[in-house]
Structures are given as structure tokens and as C-alpha cells.
Amino acid sequence: MSSRGAELTFRPAVAADVPALVALVESAYRGEASRAGWTTEADLLDGRRTDAAGVTEAIEHPHGLVLVAERDGELLACCQLERRGHIAYFGMFSVRPERQGGGLGRAVLAHAERVAREQWGAAELEMTVIEQRAELIAWYERRGYRRSGVHLPFPYGDERFGVPRRPDLRFERLVKDL
């Protein structure tokens, strides 16, 4: 399934995108479908990664947006950006599992960095990644992110973040100067 020649386009998500975005995020992180890609959290967490209320909240956030990446009208990836003073937060990063590993994620991340820097004047982009996701953290490090050493507890008991399969999960803050 080649998409050569078709340009990747970006736009802010709207309310009508919510069902497709929930499906995309779930497919990238949870369940057997997520195992087609390399970003799966299926060995760490069961349950949901997000829901319609969470995606709607991100889309409607007064200091944020959800970016949608499409090619020929096909939803391929998304991410959330939130303005927090001179820092922008990056989250909900999802690429369709069967499209992972081909540079699409790098393009989405680079676009998000440009938006944060050029449109918002952010000096840093930050994110939180589950510490046990060593391969994913290494991917971000290759793109200029650094481990801050700041750890945040995993919200055990709050199933909006998934149902942990192990007792030692925590997040680490990653940061990149823009």
C-alpha cells in the first residue's frame, strides 16, 4: 500500500474527528491490533488508552489543539499540543500501527515542534513517557529529547489511563529545547 507522491497534510482536529481519533489512539497502544506497530503498550497496560470525552477535552482545550496528519484524506496520525507558558506539552501521539516505522512519526513530531516554536513561541517541548518504554525513549532521544530525571507516578486506580499489568509503572518527563 504505497502512498508515494501524496503529500502529508496537517490540520487541527474538530469534533467530527473524535470517533476516528479514539479508534486511532486505541489501535496504536492497546490490544492485539497495536502489536502490528512498535509503540504498543499491550504488555504493560490493559483497558482503554483514551475515550471520546478525553479526546473532546483535548480538542476543545483553550490553550491547546489536536493535530491530525492525513494523506489523501486518510487519517494516519495525530498528536496533542498544549501551551503551558514558555513550554509546550506533547501528548496523545499516535500513528496507525501498519504505518509505523516509515518516517511518518518523525514528520508529525517535527511539525508539532514547528507549531510550538513558531506559532506559540515555546522554548521547550515536553512530554511524559512510561519509563519502561526504553525503545520509545531511545527513539525520542535520537530526535533531540533528553531524559529529565523527573518521574511522575502512574495513576494506579484511574482506569482512564489503562489497567496496569505490573506494579512498577511510572512516567519520566522528556524535554527538548526548541
C-alpha atoms as a PDB file:
ATOM      1  CA  MET A   1       0.000   0.000   0.000  1.00  0.00           C
ATOM      2  CA  SER A   2       2.204   2.805  -1.270  1.00  0.00           C
ATOM      3  CA  SER A   3       1.382   6.439  -0.764  1.00  0.00           C
ATOM      4  CA  ARG A   4       4.267   7.915  -2.735  1.00  0.00           C
ATOM      5  CA  GLY A   5       3.542  11.244  -4.279  1.00  0.00           C
ATOM      6  CA  ALA A   6       0.706  12.122  -1.925  1.00  0.00           C
ATOM      7  CA  GLU A   7       1.648  14.900   0.457  1.00  0.00           C
ATOM      8  CA  LEU A   8       1.164  14.606   4.186  1.00  0.00           C
ATOM      9  CA  THR A   9      -1.152  17.374   5.381  1.00  0.00           C
ATOM     10  CA  PHE A  10      -1.843  18.662   8.875  1.00  0.00           C
ATOM     11  CA  ARG A  11      -4.911  20.323  10.330  1.00  0.00           C
ATOM     12  CA  PRO A  12      -6.444  20.940  13.735  1.00  0.00           C
ATOM     13  CA  ALA A  13      -8.913  18.255  14.773  1.00  0.00           C
ATOM     14  CA  VAL A  14     -12.597  19.107  15.080  1.00  0.00           C
ATOM     15  CA  ALA A  15     -15.444  17.478  16.987  1.00  0.00           C
ATOM     16  CA  ALA A  16     -16.391  15.326  13.989  1.00  0.00           C
ATOM     17  CA  ASP A  17     -12.946  13.677  14.186  1.00  0.00           C
ATOM     18  CA  VAL A  18     -13.454  12.324  17.726  1.00  0.00           C
ATOM     19  CA  PRO A  19     -14.611   8.766  16.856  1.00  0.00           C
ATOM     20  CA  ALA A  20     -11.793   8.272  14.328  1.00  0.00           C
ATOM     21  CA  LEU A  21      -9.210   9.716  16.727  1.00  0.00           C
ATOM     22  CA  VAL A  22     -10.312   7.448  19.577  1.00  0.00           C
ATOM     23  CA  ALA A  23     -10.024   4.452  17.237  1.00  0.00           C
ATOM     24  CA  LEU A  24      -6.571   5.589  16.060  1.00  0.00           C
ATOM     25  CA  VAL A  25      -5.204   6.082  19.579  1.00  0.00           C
ATOM     26  CA  GLU A  26      -6.607   2.765  20.777  1.00  0.00           C
ATOM     27  CA  SER A  27      -5.170   0.924  17.756  1.00  0.00           C
ATOM     28  CA  ALA A  28      -1.707   2.386  18.332  1.00  0.00           C
ATOM     29  CA  TYR A  29      -1.434   1.462  22.016  1.00  0.00           C
ATOM     30  CA  ARG A  30      -3.843  -1.243  23.138  1.00  0.00           C
ATOM     31  CA  GLY A  31      -4.902  -4.744  22.255  1.00  0.00           C
ATOM     32  CA  GLU A  32      -3.736  -7.138  19.590  1.00  0.00           C
ATOM     33  CA  ALA A  33      -4.117  -4.616  16.751  1.00  0.00           C
ATOM     34  CA  SER A  34      -1.452  -2.443  18.370  1.00  0.00           C
ATOM     35  CA  ARG A  35       1.101  -5.254  18.073  1.00  0.00           C
ATOM     36  CA  ALA A  36       1.334  -4.562  14.324  1.00  0.00           C
ATOM     37  CA  GLY A  37       3.352  -1.476  15.272  1.00  0.00           C
ATOM     38  CA  TRP A  38       6.170  -0.952  17.714  1.00  0.00           C
ATOM     39  CA  THR A  39       4.504   1.614  20.018  1.00  0.00           C
ATOM     40  CA  THR A  40       2.165  -0.851  21.690  1.00  0.00           C
ATOM     41  CA  GLU A  41       1.644  -0.726  25.434  1.00  0.00           C
ATOM     42  CA  ALA A  42      -0.259  -4.023  25.377  1.00  0.00           C
ATOM     43  CA  ASP A  43       2.366  -5.771  27.534  1.00  0.00           C
ATOM     44  CA  LEU A  44       2.182  -3.029  30.179  1.00  0.00           C
ATOM     45  CA  LEU A  45      -1.469  -1.998  30.234  1.00  0.00           C
ATOM     46  CA  ASP A  46      -4.902  -3.375  29.506  1.00  0.00           C
ATOM     47  CA  GLY A  47      -8.076  -1.366  29.184  1.00  0.00           C
ATOM     48  CA  ARG A  48      -8.534   1.821  27.247  1.00  0.00           C
ATOM     49  CA  ARG A  49      -5.914   4.424  26.304  1.00  0.00           C
ATOM     50  CA  THR A  50      -8.489   7.176  25.796  1.00  0.00           C
ATOM     51  CA  ASP A  51     -12.162   7.793  25.217  1.00  0.00           C
ATOM     52  CA  ALA A  52     -14.398  10.268  23.401  1.00  0.00           C
ATOM     53  CA  ALA A  53     -14.576  12.577  26.428  1.00  0.00           C
ATOM     54  CA  GLY A  54     -10.776  12.749  26.728  1.00  0.00           C
ATOM     55  CA  VAL A  55     -10.259  13.440  23.034  1.00  0.00           C
ATOM     56  CA  THR A  56     -13.021  16.049  23.016  1.00  0.00           C
ATOM     57  CA  GLU A  57     -11.433  17.755  26.023  1.00  0.00           C
ATOM     58  CA  ALA A  58      -8.073  17.898  24.197  1.00  0.00           C
ATOM     59  CA  ILE A  59      -9.680  19.313  21.037  1.00  0.00           C
ATOM     60  CA  GLU A  60     -11.578  21.967  22.986  1.00  0.00           C
ATOM     61  CA  HIS A  61      -8.723  22.911  25.342  1.00  0.00           C
ATOM     62  CA  PRO A  62      -8.417  26.718  25.305  1.00  0.00           C
ATOM     63  CA  HIS A  63      -4.602  26.571  25.178  1.00  0.00           C
ATOM     64  CA  GLY A  64      -4.154  23.517  23.018  1.00  0.00           C
ATOM     65  CA  LEU A  65      -5.011  21.623  19.906  1.00  0.00           C
ATOM     66  CA  VAL A  66      -5.010  18.149  18.478  1.00  0.00           C
ATOM     67  CA  LEU A  67      -3.153  17.918  15.179  1.00  0.00           C
ATOM     68  CA  VAL A  68      -4.368  15.444  12.584  1.00  0.00           C
ATOM     69  CA  ALA A  69      -2.000  14.115   9.907  1.00  0.00           C
ATOM     70  CA  GLU A  70      -3.636  12.901   6.709  1.00  0.00           C
ATOM     71  CA  ARG A  71      -2.655  11.746   3.266  1.00  0.00           C
ATOM     72  CA  ASP A  72      -5.331  11.859   0.574  1.00  0.00           C
ATOM     73  CA  GLY A  73      -7.935  12.420   3.300  1.00  0.00           C
ATOM     74  CA  GLU A  74      -6.907   9.277   5.210  1.00  0.00           C
ATOM     75  CA  LEU A  75      -6.245   9.780   8.934  1.00  0.00           C
ATOM     76  CA  LEU A  76      -2.750   8.411   9.602  1.00  0.00           C
ATOM     77  CA  ALA A  77      -1.556  10.038  12.809  1.00  0.00           C
ATOM     78  CA  CYS A  78      -2.336  12.593  15.477  1.00  0.00           C
ATOM     79  CA  CYS A  79      -0.848  14.388  18.463  1.00  0.00           C
ATOM     80  CA  GLN A  80      -1.930  16.799  21.136  1.00  0.00           C
ATOM     81  CA  LEU A  81      -0.189  20.083  21.902  1.00  0.00           C
ATOM     82  CA  GLU A  82      -0.894  22.205  24.951  1.00  0.00           C
ATOM     83  CA  ARG A  83       0.581  25.632  25.644  1.00  0.00           C
ATOM     84  CA  ARG A  84       1.964  25.914  29.197  1.00  0.00           C
ATOM     85  CA  GLY A  85       3.715  29.277  29.267  1.00  0.00           C
ATOM     86  CA  HIS A  86       7.124  29.021  27.550  1.00  0.00           C
ATOM     87  CA  ILE A  87       6.744  25.230  27.440  1.00  0.00           C
ATOM     88  CA  ALA A  88       4.503  23.214  25.149  1.00  0.00           C
ATOM     89  CA  TYR A  89       3.289  19.758  26.169  1.00  0.00           C
ATOM     90  CA  PHE A  90       3.212  16.990  23.549  1.00  0.00           C
ATOM     91  CA  GLY A  91       0.928  14.009  24.030  1.00  0.00           C
ATOM     92  CA  MET A  92      -1.615  11.597  22.526  1.00  0.00           C
ATOM     93  CA  PHE A  93       0.924  10.842  19.788  1.00  0.00           C
ATOM     94  CA  SER A  94      -0.467   8.053  17.649  1.00  0.00           C
ATOM     95  CA  VAL A  95       0.453   6.587  14.281  1.00  0.00           C
ATOM     96  CA  ARG A  96      -1.571   3.829  12.635  1.00  0.00           C
ATOM     97  CA  PRO A  97       0.269   0.611  13.559  1.00  0.00           C
ATOM     98  CA  GLU A  98       0.663  -0.597   9.982  1.00  0.00           C
ATOM     99  CA  ARG A  99       2.221   2.773   9.041  1.00  0.00           C
ATOM    100  CA  GLN A 100       4.800   2.864  11.852  1.00  0.00           C
ATOM    101  CA  GLY A 101       8.489   2.661  11.055  1.00  0.00           C
ATOM    102  CA  GLY A 102       8.354   4.600   7.779  1.00  0.00           C
ATOM    103  CA  GLY A 103       9.083   8.143   8.897  1.00  0.00           C
ATOM    104  CA  LEU A 104       5.514   9.283   9.466  1.00  0.00           C
ATOM    105  CA  GLY A 105       6.033   9.698  13.213  1.00  0.00           C
ATOM    106  CA  ARG A 106       9.193  11.739  12.646  1.00  0.00           C
ATOM    107  CA  ALA A 107       7.245  14.045  10.303  1.00  0.00           C
ATOM    108  CA  VAL A 108       4.410  14.528  12.797  1.00  0.00           C
ATOM    109  CA  LEU A 109       6.820  15.214  15.663  1.00  0.00           C
ATOM    110  CA  ALA A 110       8.775  17.732  13.551  1.00  0.00           C
ATOM    111  CA  HIS A 111       5.546  19.510  12.578  1.00  0.00           C
ATOM    112  CA  ALA A 112       4.414  19.665  16.217  1.00  0.00           C
ATOM    113  CA  GLU A 113       7.788  21.140  17.194  1.00  0.00           C
ATOM    114  CA  ARG A 114       7.437  23.811  14.474  1.00  0.00           C
ATOM    115  CA  VAL A 115       3.925  24.734  15.643  1.00  0.00           C
ATOM    116  CA  ALA A 116       5.068  25.012  19.271  1.00  0.00           C
ATOM    117  CA  ARG A 117       8.127  27.086  18.353  1.00  0.00           C
ATOM    118  CA  GLU A 118       6.833  29.286  15.510  1.00  0.00           C
ATOM    119  CA  GLN A 119       3.167  29.790  16.388  1.00  0.00           C
ATOM    120  CA  TRP A 120       3.350  29.698  20.180  1.00  0.00           C
ATOM    121  CA  GLY A 121       6.906  30.876  20.831  1.00  0.00           C
ATOM    122  CA  ALA A 122       7.593  27.877  23.064  1.00  0.00           C
ATOM    123  CA  ALA A 123      11.197  27.434  24.187  1.00  0.00           C
ATOM    124  CA  GLU A 124      10.767  23.748  25.087  1.00  0.00           C
ATOM    125  CA  LEU A 125       8.604  20.815  24.170  1.00  0.00           C
ATOM    126  CA  GLU A 126       7.964  18.332  26.962  1.00  0.00           C
ATOM    127  CA  MET A 127       6.218  15.012  27.254  1.00  0.00           C
ATOM    128  CA  THR A 128       5.840  12.151  29.675  1.00  0.00           C
ATOM    129  CA  VAL A 129       6.649   8.584  28.650  1.00  0.00           C
ATOM    130  CA  ILE A 130       6.221   5.409  30.649  1.00  0.00           C
ATOM    131  CA  GLU A 131       9.722   4.750  31.971  1.00  0.00           C
ATOM    132  CA  GLN A 132       9.596   1.061  30.993  1.00  0.00           C
ATOM    133  CA  ARG A 133       9.231   2.041  27.300  1.00  0.00           C
ATOM    134  CA  ALA A 134      13.013   2.032  26.709  1.00  0.00           C
ATOM    135  CA  GLU A 135      12.753   1.650  22.921  1.00  0.00           C
ATOM    136  CA  LEU A 136      10.360   4.592  22.687  1.00  0.00           C
ATOM    137  CA  ILE A 137      12.506   6.784  24.965  1.00  0.00           C
ATOM    138  CA  ALA A 138      15.534   5.932  22.796  1.00  0.00           C
ATOM    139  CA  TRP A 139      13.549   6.985  19.687  1.00  0.00           C
ATOM    140  CA  TYR A 140      12.854  10.371  21.261  1.00  0.00           C
ATOM    141  CA  GLU A 141      16.484  10.730  22.378  1.00  0.00           C
ATOM    142  CA  ARG A 142      17.592  10.240  18.764  1.00  0.00           C
ATOM    143  CA  ARG A 143      15.365  13.218  17.922  1.00  0.00           C
ATOM    144  CA  GLY A 144      16.994  15.500  20.476  1.00  0.00           C
ATOM    145  CA  TYR A 145      14.900  14.862  23.580  1.00  0.00           C
ATOM    146  CA  ARG A 146      16.637  14.375  26.882  1.00  0.00           C
ATOM    147  CA  ARG A 147      15.608  12.474  29.952  1.00  0.00           C
ATOM    148  CA  SER A 148      14.994  14.959  32.741  1.00  0.00           C
ATOM    149  CA  GLY A 149      15.240  12.520  35.632  1.00  0.00           C
ATOM    150  CA  VAL A 150      11.863  13.847  36.769  1.00  0.00           C
ATOM    151  CA  HIS A 151       9.480  10.982  37.407  1.00  0.00           C
ATOM    152  CA  LEU A 152       5.744  11.126  37.907  1.00  0.00           C
ATOM    153  CA  PRO A 153       3.669   8.362  39.444  1.00  0.00           C
ATOM    154  CA  PHE A 154       1.432   6.263  37.247  1.00  0.00           C
ATOM    155  CA  PRO A 155      -2.207   6.933  38.196  1.00  0.00           C
ATOM    156  CA  TYR A 156      -2.981   3.465  39.535  1.00  0.00           C
ATOM    157  CA  GLY A 157      -6.687   3.019  40.124  1.00  0.00           C
ATOM    158  CA  ASP A 158      -7.711   5.514  37.428  1.00  0.00           C
ATOM    159  CA  GLU A 159      -8.792   3.324  34.527  1.00  0.00           C
ATOM    160  CA  ARG A 160      -8.862   6.330  32.178  1.00  0.00           C
ATOM    161  CA  PHE A 161      -5.114   5.684  31.855  1.00  0.00           C
ATOM    162  CA  GLY A 162      -5.435   1.913  31.461  1.00  0.00           C
ATOM    163  CA  VAL A 163      -5.308  -1.103  33.726  1.00  0.00           C
ATOM    164  CA  PRO A 164      -1.680  -1.784  34.686  1.00  0.00           C
ATOM    165  CA  ARG A 165      -0.301  -5.262  34.186  1.00  0.00           C
ATOM    166  CA  ARG A 166       2.609  -4.609  36.574  1.00  0.00           C
ATOM    167  CA  PRO A 167       3.119  -2.669  39.820  1.00  0.00           C
ATOM    168  CA  ASP A 168       6.171  -0.550  38.943  1.00  0.00           C
ATOM    169  CA  LEU A 169       4.981   1.792  36.198  1.00  0.00           C
ATOM    170  CA  ARG A 170       5.874   5.463  36.296  1.00  0.00           C
ATOM    171  CA  PHE A 171       6.328   8.291  33.826  1.00  0.00           C
ATOM    172  CA  GLU A 172       9.504  10.162  33.004  1.00  0.00           C
ATOM    173  CA  ARG A 173       9.498  13.716  31.690  1.00  0.00           C
ATOM    174  CA  LEU A 174      11.378  14.149  28.405  1.00  0.00           C
ATOM    175  CA  VAL A 175      12.318  17.636  27.201  1.00  0.00           C
ATOM    176  CA  LYS A 176      13.692  19.213  24.036  1.00  0.00           C
ATOM    177  CA  ASP A 177      14.869  22.791  23.586  1.00  0.00           C
ATOM    178  CA  LEU A 178      13.163  24.315  20.584  1.00  0.00           C
END
